[in-house]
Structures are given as C-alpha cells and as structure tokens.
C-alpha cells in the first residue's frame, strides 16, 4: 500500500463506518448510522433513541443502540 492509500480500517478522525450491512459510509461519531440507514430504522425505535439520549438515560440508550445496530445488520 502506498503512502497515499489508506486502509479501509482507518477512518478520518472523529468518524466511524455506518453499522448497516455492506454500507461502510463514514459518519461522525455522534451519529448512529448514515442518513439513509437512520431513516430505515423503525420510527418508534428512532424516537426512543433520541429521547433516551436527550434525557441522559444511557443504560437504556446503549440497549436501544445495540438493538438498532442488530436491526440494521439484519436488513
């Protein structure tokens, strides 16, 4: 690999890949998924994620986040 090429496992600082299966779009760390896949999540799950994040219920948020990631990887 030349010095100009970057391994697919090295994303720009502050980014991570969208967790949806076969997506890999680079997104900011504060986002769960890219826009396209975020809007594919069930509306009620998205609403719960936003609510638990805003209220600081991190235990519930982490559980919902894992559920959302699993949902994205199944589709």
Protein backbone atom coordinates (compact mmCIF):
# COMPACT_ATOMS: atom_id res chain seq x y z
CA UNK A 1 0.00 0.00 0.00
CA UNK A 2 1.41 3.35 -0.98
CA UNK A 3 1.61 6.23 1.49
CA UNK A 4 -1.30 7.91 -0.31
CA UNK A 5 -3.63 4.94 0.11
CA UNK A 6 -5.49 4.46 3.36
CA UNK A 7 -6.60 1.14 4.72
CA UNK A 8 -10.38 0.77 4.90
CA UNK A 9 -9.92 0.35 8.65
CA UNK A 10 -8.51 3.86 9.15
CA UNK A 11 -11.24 6.46 9.01
CA UNK A 12 -10.78 10.21 9.42
CA UNK A 13 -10.54 11.38 12.99
CA UNK A 14 -13.94 11.61 14.60
CA UNK A 15 -15.60 9.21 12.17
CA UNK A 16 -16.75 5.60 12.10
CA UNK A 17 -18.42 3.43 9.47
CA UNK A 18 -22.20 3.14 9.31
CA UNK A 19 -23.05 -0.18 11.02
CA UNK A 20 -25.55 -1.23 8.35
CA UNK A 21 -24.56 -4.34 6.47
CA UNK A 22 -22.42 -3.56 3.41
CA UNK A 23 -22.68 0.23 3.85
CA UNK A 24 -19.49 1.46 5.46
CA UNK A 25 -20.21 5.14 4.78
CA UNK A 26 -18.07 7.27 7.08
CA UNK A 27 -20.15 9.18 9.60
CA UNK A 28 -19.43 11.38 12.59
CA UNK A 29 -19.04 9.57 15.91
CA UNK A 30 -22.10 11.27 17.38
CA UNK A 31 -24.30 9.64 14.73
CA UNK A 32 -25.58 6.08 14.93
CA UNK A 33 -25.89 5.47 11.19
CA UNK A 34 -25.75 7.29 7.88
CA UNK A 35 -28.84 9.30 6.92
CA UNK A 36 -30.17 6.63 4.56
CA UNK A 37 -29.95 3.85 7.14
CA UNK A 38 -31.10 6.02 10.07
CA UNK A 39 -34.37 6.62 8.24
CA UNK A 40 -34.78 2.91 7.51
CA UNK A 41 -34.94 2.17 11.24
CA UNK A 42 -38.48 1.82 12.59
CA UNK A 43 -39.82 5.25 13.55
CA UNK A 44 -40.59 4.21 17.14
CA UNK A 45 -37.04 2.91 17.63
CA UNK A 46 -35.58 6.17 16.28
CA UNK A 47 -37.83 8.17 18.61
CA UNK A 48 -36.78 6.11 21.62
CA UNK A 49 -33.10 6.50 20.74
CA UNK A 50 -33.44 10.28 20.53
CA UNK A 51 -35.48 10.52 23.74
CA UNK A 52 -33.16 8.33 25.81
CA UNK A 53 -30.11 10.22 24.51
CA UNK A 54 -31.61 13.62 25.32
CA UNK A 55 -32.75 12.58 28.81
CA UNK A 56 -29.39 11.04 29.64
CA UNK A 57 -30.75 7.52 30.21
CA UNK A 58 -27.53 5.99 28.93
CA UNK A 59 -28.25 2.45 30.14
CA UNK A 60 -31.46 2.35 28.10
CA UNK A 61 -29.78 4.18 25.21
CA UNK A 62 -26.98 1.61 24.94
CA UNK A 63 -29.54 -1.20 24.91
CA UNK A 64 -31.58 0.53 22.19
CA UNK A 65 -28.43 1.34 20.24
CA UNK A 66 -27.45 -2.33 20.18
CA UNK A 67 -30.98 -3.23 19.09
CA UNK A 68 -30.82 -0.68 16.26
CA UNK A 69 -27.43 -1.93 15.08
CA UNK A 70 -28.67 -5.52 15.09
CA UNK A 71 -31.75 -4.43 13.11
CA UNK A 72 -29.58 -2.65 10.53
CA UNK A 73 -27.32 -5.67 10.11
CA UNK A 74 -30.30 -7.98 9.54
CA UNK A 75 -31.73 -5.90 6.70
